[in-house]
Amino acid sequence: MNLMIILVPVLLMGMVLARTTVLDLKLPDMADSSIPQTEEPPQQLELIIRADKFEVNYPAGIKLKWVEKTSDGEYDFKLLAGVLQETKRLLEDKGIQKKDIYILSEKDTDYQTLVTTMDTVRSFKAVVAANLVDAELFPEISLGDAPPPGASTGAVASPAGGAQ
């Protein structure tokens, strides 16, 4: 009985009651736009959260793919994860190692949608040696405001037609 009286508090103190996860984000710089840019803009991978869909752009402003909402009006995060996995695979086939992504959201985007999108963009579940592990997608996330529909996001202008 004495052993139980001592053992129970020790085990309770060793339990993790709450698990806190910290996500490092890069916020846009307050750069002076009056300075002329002489070098070519970087090739950015963007995910734009619209009211009715996700848009994946690479390079910035050129639509690569989009993911419509499901029939019940919810965002399809599983399909988004598949599109991002395919995008990462295509970029690696071209010899481009991307770890960063820009998530651009409209002003009325729900907070939970933004958090779930960040979780979906960072990693995906993969089976390795009969174990379920988190495989890395784009862990370096930057946040920003989405441009109005049809407008270009970066210094690269959008072509006349977008691909799906």
N, C-alpha and C. Protein backbone atom coordinates (compact mmCIF):
# COMPACT_ATOMS: atom_id res chain seq x y z
N MET A 1 0.82 -1.19 0.00
CA MET A 1 0.00 0.00 0.00
C MET A 1 0.87 1.27 0.00
N ASN A 2 1.93 1.25 0.78
CA ASN A 2 2.84 2.41 0.80
C ASN A 2 3.47 2.64 -0.56
N LEU A 3 3.76 1.55 -1.27
CA LEU A 3 4.33 1.67 -2.59
C LEU A 3 3.36 2.37 -3.54
N MET A 4 2.09 2.07 -3.47
CA MET A 4 1.09 2.71 -4.31
C MET A 4 0.95 4.19 -3.96
N ILE A 5 1.03 4.53 -2.70
CA ILE A 5 0.89 5.93 -2.28
C ILE A 5 2.07 6.75 -2.84
N ILE A 6 3.24 6.16 -2.92
CA ILE A 6 4.41 6.87 -3.44
C ILE A 6 4.42 6.84 -4.97
N LEU A 7 4.04 5.72 -5.57
CA LEU A 7 4.14 5.53 -7.00
C LEU A 7 3.14 6.37 -7.79
N VAL A 8 1.93 6.52 -7.31
CA VAL A 8 0.90 7.27 -8.04
C VAL A 8 1.29 8.74 -8.22
N PRO A 9 1.70 9.48 -7.18
CA PRO A 9 2.10 10.88 -7.42
C PRO A 9 3.31 11.01 -8.34
N VAL A 10 4.26 10.08 -8.25
CA VAL A 10 5.44 10.14 -9.11
C VAL A 10 5.03 9.96 -10.57
N LEU A 11 4.14 9.01 -10.84
CA LEU A 11 3.68 8.79 -12.21
C LEU A 11 2.86 9.96 -12.72
N LEU A 12 2.05 10.55 -11.86
CA LEU A 12 1.25 11.70 -12.28
C LEU A 12 2.12 12.91 -12.60
N MET A 13 3.20 13.11 -11.86
CA MET A 13 4.08 14.23 -12.13
C MET A 13 4.86 14.02 -13.43
N GLY A 14 5.07 12.79 -13.82
CA GLY A 14 5.81 12.50 -15.04
C GLY A 14 4.97 12.59 -16.30
N MET A 15 3.67 12.69 -16.16
CA MET A 15 2.79 12.76 -17.34
C MET A 15 2.89 14.13 -18.00
N VAL A 16 2.73 14.12 -19.29
CA VAL A 16 2.67 15.37 -20.04
C VAL A 16 1.20 15.71 -20.17
N LEU A 17 0.79 16.77 -19.48
CA LEU A 17 -0.62 17.14 -19.48
C LEU A 17 -0.99 17.97 -20.69
N ALA A 18 -0.10 18.79 -21.15
CA ALA A 18 -0.38 19.63 -22.31
C ALA A 18 0.85 19.65 -23.20
N ARG A 19 0.63 19.55 -24.49
CA ARG A 19 1.73 19.57 -25.44
C ARG A 19 1.62 20.82 -26.28
N THR A 20 2.62 21.66 -26.22
CA THR A 20 2.62 22.92 -26.96
C THR A 20 3.55 22.78 -28.16
N THR A 21 3.05 23.18 -29.32
CA THR A 21 3.84 23.14 -30.54
C THR A 21 4.08 24.56 -31.01
N VAL A 22 5.32 24.85 -31.36
CA VAL A 22 5.68 26.18 -31.83
C VAL A 22 5.97 26.09 -33.32
N LEU A 23 5.40 26.98 -34.08
CA LEU A 23 5.60 27.03 -35.52
C LEU A 23 6.28 28.34 -35.86
N ASP A 24 7.49 28.26 -36.43
CA ASP A 24 8.22 29.47 -36.83
C ASP A 24 7.71 29.95 -38.17
N LEU A 25 7.30 31.19 -38.23
CA LEU A 25 6.78 31.79 -39.46
C LEU A 25 7.64 32.98 -39.84
N LYS A 26 7.72 33.24 -41.15
CA LYS A 26 8.39 34.44 -41.62
C LYS A 26 7.31 35.40 -42.07
N LEU A 27 7.35 36.60 -41.56
CA LEU A 27 6.40 37.62 -41.95
C LEU A 27 7.04 38.50 -43.02
N PRO A 28 6.22 39.13 -43.86
CA PRO A 28 6.79 39.98 -44.93
C PRO A 28 7.64 41.10 -44.35
N ASP A 29 8.73 41.42 -45.07
CA ASP A 29 9.61 42.50 -44.65
C ASP A 29 8.97 43.84 -44.98
N MET A 30 9.35 44.85 -44.24
CA MET A 30 8.90 46.21 -44.50
C MET A 30 9.94 46.87 -45.40
N ALA A 31 10.14 46.29 -46.57
CA ALA A 31 11.17 46.78 -47.50
C ALA A 31 10.69 48.05 -48.19
N ASP A 32 11.65 48.89 -48.52
CA ASP A 32 11.35 50.13 -49.23
C ASP A 32 11.12 49.80 -50.70
N SER A 33 9.91 50.04 -51.20
CA SER A 33 9.58 49.70 -52.59
C SER A 33 10.15 50.71 -53.59
N SER A 34 10.70 51.82 -53.10
CA SER A 34 11.25 52.82 -54.03
C SER A 34 12.62 52.42 -54.55
N ILE A 35 13.26 51.44 -53.93
CA ILE A 35 14.58 50.99 -54.38
C ILE A 35 14.38 50.10 -55.60
N PRO A 36 15.01 50.45 -56.73
CA PRO A 36 14.82 49.62 -57.92
C PRO A 36 15.48 48.25 -57.74
N GLN A 37 14.79 47.23 -58.22
CA GLN A 37 15.32 45.88 -58.10
C GLN A 37 15.99 45.50 -59.40
N THR A 38 17.29 45.24 -59.33
CA THR A 38 18.05 44.94 -60.54
C THR A 38 18.17 43.44 -60.77
N GLU A 39 17.98 42.65 -59.72
CA GLU A 39 18.12 41.21 -59.91
C GLU A 39 16.76 40.57 -60.17
N GLU A 40 16.80 39.38 -60.74
CA GLU A 40 15.58 38.65 -61.09
C GLU A 40 14.86 38.22 -59.81
N PRO A 41 13.52 38.34 -59.75
CA PRO A 41 12.81 37.94 -58.54
C PRO A 41 12.92 36.43 -58.33
N PRO A 42 12.90 35.98 -57.08
CA PRO A 42 13.03 34.55 -56.82
C PRO A 42 11.79 33.79 -57.29
N GLN A 43 11.99 32.54 -57.60
CA GLN A 43 10.89 31.68 -58.00
C GLN A 43 10.16 31.22 -56.74
N GLN A 44 9.00 31.78 -56.50
CA GLN A 44 8.26 31.52 -55.27
C GLN A 44 7.14 30.53 -55.53
N LEU A 45 6.93 29.62 -54.58
CA LEU A 45 5.78 28.73 -54.59
C LEU A 45 4.74 29.35 -53.68
N GLU A 46 3.54 29.57 -54.21
CA GLU A 46 2.48 30.23 -53.45
C GLU A 46 1.26 29.33 -53.34
N LEU A 47 0.61 29.41 -52.20
CA LEU A 47 -0.69 28.78 -52.00
C LEU A 47 -1.64 29.90 -51.59
N ILE A 48 -2.63 30.15 -52.42
CA ILE A 48 -3.60 31.22 -52.14
C ILE A 48 -4.89 30.58 -51.65
N ILE A 49 -5.37 31.04 -50.50
CA ILE A 49 -6.63 30.55 -49.94
C ILE A 49 -7.73 31.49 -50.38
N ARG A 50 -8.58 31.03 -51.26
CA ARG A 50 -9.74 31.80 -51.73
C ARG A 50 -10.98 31.31 -50.99
N ALA A 51 -12.08 32.03 -51.16
CA ALA A 51 -13.33 31.65 -50.49
C ALA A 51 -13.88 30.33 -51.02
N ASP A 52 -13.56 29.98 -52.28
CA ASP A 52 -14.13 28.77 -52.87
C ASP A 52 -13.10 27.73 -53.28
N LYS A 53 -11.79 28.03 -53.12
CA LYS A 53 -10.76 27.07 -53.57
C LYS A 53 -9.39 27.45 -53.04
N PHE A 54 -8.44 26.54 -53.25
CA PHE A 54 -7.02 26.79 -53.04
C PHE A 54 -6.40 26.95 -54.42
N GLU A 55 -5.45 27.86 -54.56
CA GLU A 55 -4.69 28.02 -55.80
C GLU A 55 -3.21 27.81 -55.49
N VAL A 56 -2.55 26.96 -56.27
CA VAL A 56 -1.12 26.73 -56.13
C VAL A 56 -0.44 27.38 -57.32
N ASN A 57 0.46 28.34 -57.06
CA ASN A 57 1.15 29.09 -58.11
C ASN A 57 2.65 28.83 -58.04
N TYR A 58 3.26 28.59 -59.20
CA TYR A 58 4.72 28.51 -59.30
C TYR A 58 5.12 28.80 -60.73
N PRO A 59 6.01 29.75 -60.97
CA PRO A 59 6.48 30.79 -60.05
C PRO A 59 5.33 31.72 -59.67
N ALA A 60 5.62 32.65 -58.81
CA ALA A 60 4.58 33.54 -58.27
C ALA A 60 3.76 34.16 -59.38
N GLY A 61 2.45 34.03 -59.27
CA GLY A 61 1.55 34.65 -60.23
C GLY A 61 1.13 33.74 -61.36
N ILE A 62 1.80 32.61 -61.56
CA ILE A 62 1.43 31.69 -62.64
C ILE A 62 0.74 30.48 -62.02
N LYS A 63 -0.53 30.33 -62.33
CA LYS A 63 -1.34 29.28 -61.72
C LYS A 63 -0.88 27.91 -62.18
N LEU A 64 -0.58 27.04 -61.22
CA LEU A 64 -0.14 25.69 -61.50
C LEU A 64 -1.30 24.72 -61.36
N LYS A 65 -1.98 24.76 -60.24
CA LYS A 65 -3.13 23.90 -59.95
C LYS A 65 -4.09 24.64 -59.03
N TRP A 66 -5.31 24.12 -58.94
CA TRP A 66 -6.22 24.62 -57.92
C TRP A 66 -7.08 23.47 -57.42
N VAL A 67 -7.55 23.64 -56.17
CA VAL A 67 -8.35 22.62 -55.51
C VAL A 67 -9.66 23.27 -55.08
N GLU A 68 -10.75 22.85 -55.70
CA GLU A 68 -12.08 23.39 -55.38
C GLU A 68 -12.56 22.84 -54.03
N LYS A 69 -13.53 23.52 -53.43
CA LYS A 69 -14.16 23.02 -52.22
C LYS A 69 -14.97 21.77 -52.55
N THR A 70 -15.22 20.94 -51.54
CA THR A 70 -16.02 19.75 -51.75
C THR A 70 -17.49 20.12 -51.91
N SER A 71 -18.33 19.14 -52.21
CA SER A 71 -19.75 19.40 -52.45
C SER A 71 -20.47 19.90 -51.20
N ASP A 72 -19.94 19.58 -50.01
CA ASP A 72 -20.57 20.07 -48.78
C ASP A 72 -20.03 21.42 -48.33
N GLY A 73 -19.21 22.07 -49.17
CA GLY A 73 -18.73 23.42 -48.87
C GLY A 73 -17.49 23.49 -48.02
N GLU A 74 -16.82 22.37 -47.76
CA GLU A 74 -15.61 22.35 -46.95
C GLU A 74 -14.38 22.30 -47.86
N TYR A 75 -13.27 22.82 -47.37
CA TYR A 75 -12.02 22.73 -48.11
C TYR A 75 -11.54 21.28 -48.13
N ASP A 76 -10.96 20.83 -49.23
CA ASP A 76 -10.48 19.46 -49.39
C ASP A 76 -8.98 19.42 -49.09
N PHE A 77 -8.64 19.23 -47.81
CA PHE A 77 -7.24 19.25 -47.40
C PHE A 77 -6.49 18.00 -47.86
N LYS A 78 -7.18 16.87 -47.98
CA LYS A 78 -6.51 15.65 -48.46
C LYS A 78 -6.08 15.82 -49.91
N LEU A 79 -6.95 16.39 -50.73
CA LEU A 79 -6.60 16.63 -52.12
C LEU A 79 -5.49 17.68 -52.22
N LEU A 80 -5.53 18.70 -51.35
CA LEU A 80 -4.48 19.71 -51.33
C LEU A 80 -3.14 19.06 -51.00
N ALA A 81 -3.12 18.14 -50.02
CA ALA A 81 -1.88 17.45 -49.67
C ALA A 81 -1.36 16.66 -50.86
N GLY A 82 -2.25 16.01 -51.60
CA GLY A 82 -1.84 15.27 -52.79
C GLY A 82 -1.26 16.18 -53.87
N VAL A 83 -1.89 17.33 -54.08
CA VAL A 83 -1.40 18.29 -55.08
C VAL A 83 -0.03 18.82 -54.67
N LEU A 84 0.16 19.11 -53.38
CA LEU A 84 1.46 19.62 -52.92
C LEU A 84 2.54 18.55 -53.01
N GLN A 85 2.18 17.28 -52.75
CA GLN A 85 3.15 16.19 -52.90
C GLN A 85 3.57 16.06 -54.36
N GLU A 86 2.60 16.14 -55.26
CA GLU A 86 2.90 16.06 -56.69
C GLU A 86 3.75 17.24 -57.13
N THR A 87 3.44 18.43 -56.62
CA THR A 87 4.22 19.63 -56.95
C THR A 87 5.66 19.48 -56.48
N LYS A 88 5.85 18.99 -55.25
CA LYS A 88 7.20 18.80 -54.71
C LYS A 88 7.96 17.79 -55.55
N ARG A 89 7.29 16.71 -55.95
CA ARG A 89 7.92 15.69 -56.77
C ARG A 89 8.33 16.25 -58.14
N LEU A 90 7.45 17.05 -58.75
CA LEU A 90 7.76 17.65 -60.05
C LEU A 90 8.94 18.62 -59.95
N LEU A 91 8.97 19.42 -58.86
CA LEU A 91 10.08 20.35 -58.67
C LEU A 91 11.40 19.61 -58.46
N GLU A 92 11.36 18.52 -57.69
CA GLU A 92 12.59 17.75 -57.46
C GLU A 92 13.06 17.07 -58.73
N ASP A 93 12.12 16.65 -59.60
CA ASP A 93 12.50 16.05 -60.88
C ASP A 93 13.23 17.06 -61.76
N LYS A 94 12.89 18.36 -61.61
CA LYS A 94 13.56 19.42 -62.36
C LYS A 94 14.83 19.90 -61.67
N GLY A 95 15.17 19.30 -60.52
CA GLY A 95 16.37 19.69 -59.79
C GLY A 95 16.19 20.90 -58.89
N ILE A 96 14.94 21.25 -58.58
CA ILE A 96 14.65 22.41 -57.73
C ILE A 96 14.30 21.91 -56.33
N GLN A 97 15.11 22.29 -55.35
CA GLN A 97 14.86 21.90 -53.97
C GLN A 97 14.12 23.04 -53.26
N LYS A 98 12.82 22.89 -53.05
CA LYS A 98 12.01 23.91 -52.40
C LYS A 98 11.63 23.44 -51.00
N LYS A 99 11.86 24.30 -50.02
CA LYS A 99 11.41 24.03 -48.66
C LYS A 99 10.49 25.13 -48.16
N ASP A 100 10.38 26.22 -48.96
CA ASP A 100 9.58 27.35 -48.51
C ASP A 100 8.34 27.50 -49.38
N ILE A 101 7.30 28.04 -48.77
CA ILE A 101 6.04 28.30 -49.47
C ILE A 101 5.43 29.56 -48.87
N TYR A 102 4.75 30.31 -49.70
CA TYR A 102 4.03 31.50 -49.26
C TYR A 102 2.55 31.16 -49.21
N ILE A 103 1.94 31.33 -48.05
CA ILE A 103 0.50 31.13 -47.92
C ILE A 103 -0.14 32.52 -47.90
N LEU A 104 -0.94 32.79 -48.91
CA LEU A 104 -1.60 34.07 -49.04
C LEU A 104 -3.09 33.85 -48.82
N SER A 105 -3.66 34.56 -47.86
CA SER A 105 -5.08 34.35 -47.53
C SER A 105 -5.87 35.63 -47.71
N GLU A 106 -7.14 35.46 -48.04
CA GLU A 106 -8.03 36.61 -48.14
C GLU A 106 -8.37 37.10 -46.74
N LYS A 107 -8.86 38.32 -46.66
CA LYS A 107 -9.10 38.94 -45.35
C LYS A 107 -10.13 38.20 -44.50
N ASP A 108 -11.11 37.56 -45.13
CA ASP A 108 -12.16 36.88 -44.37
C ASP A 108 -11.91 35.39 -44.18
N THR A 109 -10.65 34.96 -44.32
CA THR A 109 -10.31 33.55 -44.14
C THR A 109 -10.43 33.17 -42.67
N ASP A 110 -11.08 32.05 -42.42
CA ASP A 110 -11.27 31.53 -41.07
C ASP A 110 -9.91 31.13 -40.47
N TYR A 111 -9.74 31.39 -39.18
CA TYR A 111 -8.49 31.07 -38.49
C TYR A 111 -8.20 29.57 -38.54
N GLN A 112 -9.21 28.73 -38.30
CA GLN A 112 -9.00 27.29 -38.31
C GLN A 112 -8.59 26.80 -39.70
N THR A 113 -9.13 27.42 -40.74
CA THR A 113 -8.74 27.07 -42.11
C THR A 113 -7.26 27.38 -42.32
N LEU A 114 -6.80 28.53 -41.85
CA LEU A 114 -5.41 28.92 -41.99
C LEU A 114 -4.48 27.95 -41.25
N VAL A 115 -4.85 27.57 -40.02
CA VAL A 115 -4.03 26.66 -39.23
C VAL A 115 -3.98 25.27 -39.87
N THR A 116 -5.13 24.77 -40.32
CA THR A 116 -5.17 23.46 -40.96
C THR A 116 -4.38 23.48 -42.27
N THR A 117 -4.43 24.58 -42.99
CA THR A 117 -3.65 24.71 -44.22
C THR A 117 -2.16 24.68 -43.91
N MET A 118 -1.72 25.38 -42.86
CA MET A 118 -0.31 25.36 -42.49
C MET A 118 0.13 23.96 -42.10
N ASP A 119 -0.71 23.22 -41.37
CA ASP A 119 -0.37 21.84 -41.01
C ASP A 119 -0.28 20.96 -42.25
N THR A 120 -1.18 21.16 -43.20
CA THR A 120 -1.19 20.37 -44.43
C THR A 120 0.04 20.65 -45.28
N VAL A 121 0.47 21.90 -45.31
CA VAL A 121 1.61 22.32 -46.14
C VAL A 121 2.94 21.83 -45.56
N ARG A 122 3.05 21.77 -44.25
CA ARG A 122 4.31 21.40 -43.60
C ARG A 122 4.71 19.95 -43.84
N SER A 123 3.76 19.01 -43.70
CA SER A 123 4.12 17.60 -43.80
C SER A 123 2.91 16.77 -44.19
N PHE A 124 3.17 15.51 -44.54
CA PHE A 124 2.09 14.57 -44.84
C PHE A 124 2.44 13.22 -44.24
N LYS A 125 1.45 12.38 -44.05
CA LYS A 125 1.65 11.06 -43.47
C LYS A 125 2.15 10.11 -44.56
N ALA A 126 3.23 9.39 -44.27
CA ALA A 126 3.79 8.42 -45.21
C ALA A 126 4.13 7.14 -44.45
N VAL A 127 4.07 6.03 -45.14
CA VAL A 127 4.41 4.74 -44.54
C VAL A 127 5.84 4.40 -44.94
N VAL A 128 6.70 4.25 -43.94
CA VAL A 128 8.09 3.88 -44.16
C VAL A 128 8.39 2.68 -43.27
N ALA A 129 8.75 1.56 -43.88
CA ALA A 129 9.08 0.33 -43.15
C ALA A 129 7.96 -0.06 -42.19
N ALA A 130 6.74 -0.03 -42.68
CA ALA A 130 5.54 -0.43 -41.94
C ALA A 130 5.24 0.50 -40.76
N ASN A 131 5.81 1.69 -40.75
CA ASN A 131 5.53 2.69 -39.71
C ASN A 131 4.97 3.95 -40.37
N LEU A 132 4.01 4.58 -39.70
CA LEU A 132 3.44 5.83 -40.19
C LEU A 132 4.28 6.99 -39.66
N VAL A 133 4.88 7.76 -40.58
CA VAL A 133 5.73 8.88 -40.18
C VAL A 133 5.27 10.14 -40.89
N ASP A 134 5.72 11.29 -40.38
CA ASP A 134 5.44 12.58 -41.03
C ASP A 134 6.58 12.87 -42.00
N ALA A 135 6.26 12.94 -43.29
CA ALA A 135 7.25 13.29 -44.31
C ALA A 135 7.17 14.79 -44.57
N GLU A 136 8.31 15.40 -44.82
CA GLU A 136 8.39 16.85 -44.97
C GLU A 136 7.93 17.28 -46.35
N LEU A 137 7.12 18.35 -46.39
CA LEU A 137 6.73 18.97 -47.66
C LEU A 137 7.42 20.33 -47.77
N PHE A 138 6.78 21.35 -47.21
CA PHE A 138 7.31 22.71 -47.26
C PHE A 138 7.27 23.28 -45.83
N PRO A 139 8.29 23.02 -45.01
CA PRO A 139 8.25 23.43 -43.60
C PRO A 139 8.47 24.92 -43.35
N GLU A 140 9.06 25.64 -44.31
CA GLU A 140 9.32 27.07 -44.12
C GLU A 140 8.16 27.86 -44.71
N ILE A 141 7.30 28.38 -43.83
CA ILE A 141 6.05 29.02 -44.24
C ILE A 141 6.15 30.52 -44.04
N SER A 142 5.72 31.26 -45.05
CA SER A 142 5.59 32.71 -44.95
C SER A 142 4.13 33.06 -45.18
N LEU A 143 3.63 34.05 -44.47
CA LEU A 143 2.23 34.44 -44.59
C LEU A 143 2.11 35.79 -45.27
N GLY A 144 0.98 36.02 -45.94
CA GLY A 144 0.74 37.29 -46.58
C GLY A 144 -0.72 37.42 -46.98
N ASP A 145 -1.08 38.57 -47.52
CA ASP A 145 -2.44 38.82 -47.98
C ASP A 145 -2.56 38.39 -49.44
N ALA A 146 -3.68 37.77 -49.75
CA ALA A 146 -3.94 37.34 -51.13
C ALA A 146 -4.32 38.54 -51.98
N PRO A 147 -3.88 38.56 -53.23
CA PRO A 147 -4.30 39.63 -54.14
C PRO A 147 -5.74 39.40 -54.56
N PRO A 148 -6.39 40.40 -55.10
CA PRO A 148 -7.75 40.20 -55.60
C PRO A 148 -7.75 39.13 -56.69
N PRO A 149 -8.86 38.40 -56.85
CA PRO A 149 -8.91 37.36 -57.89
C PRO A 149 -8.59 37.95 -59.26
N GLY A 150 -7.71 37.25 -59.98
CA GLY A 150 -7.33 37.70 -61.32
C GLY A 150 -6.10 38.59 -61.35
N ALA A 151 -5.65 39.08 -60.19
CA ALA A 151 -4.47 39.96 -60.14
C ALA A 151 -3.22 39.11 -59.93
N SER A 152 -2.09 39.62 -60.38
CA SER A 152 -0.81 38.94 -60.21
C SER A 152 -0.30 39.18 -58.80
N THR A 153 0.38 38.16 -58.23
CA THR A 153 0.84 38.28 -56.85
C THR A 153 2.25 38.84 -56.74
N GLY A 154 3.11 38.48 -57.66
CA GLY A 154 4.50 38.89 -57.53
C GLY A 154 4.94 39.75 -58.68
N ALA A 155 6.24 39.81 -58.87
CA ALA A 155 6.80 40.60 -59.95
C ALA A 155 6.64 39.91 -61.30
N VAL A 156 6.33 38.59 -61.24
CA VAL A 156 6.15 37.84 -62.48
C VAL A 156 4.71 37.97 -62.90
N ALA A 157 4.48 38.42 -64.12
CA ALA A 157 3.12 38.62 -64.61
C ALA A 157 2.51 37.28 -65.01
N SER A 158 1.22 37.15 -64.82
CA SER A 158 0.49 35.94 -65.17
C SER A 158 0.25 35.87 -66.67
N PRO A 159 0.39 34.66 -67.28
CA PRO A 159 0.09 34.55 -68.69
C PRO A 159 -1.41 34.59 -68.92
N ALA A 160 -1.81 34.59 -70.19
CA ALA A 160 -3.22 34.72 -70.54
C ALA A 160 -4.06 33.60 -69.99
N GLY A 161 -3.58 32.38 -69.96
CA GLY A 161 -4.37 31.26 -69.48
C GLY A 161 -3.66 30.53 -68.37
N GLY A 162 -4.39 30.00 -67.41
CA GLY A 162 -3.80 29.24 -66.31
C GLY A 162 -3.99 27.76 -66.56
N ALA A 163 -3.13 26.96 -66.00
CA ALA A 163 -3.23 25.51 -66.15
C ALA A 163 -3.93 24.93 -64.95
N GLN A 164 -4.56 23.81 -65.17
CA GLN A 164 -5.17 23.10 -64.03
C GLN A 164 -4.53 21.78 -63.87
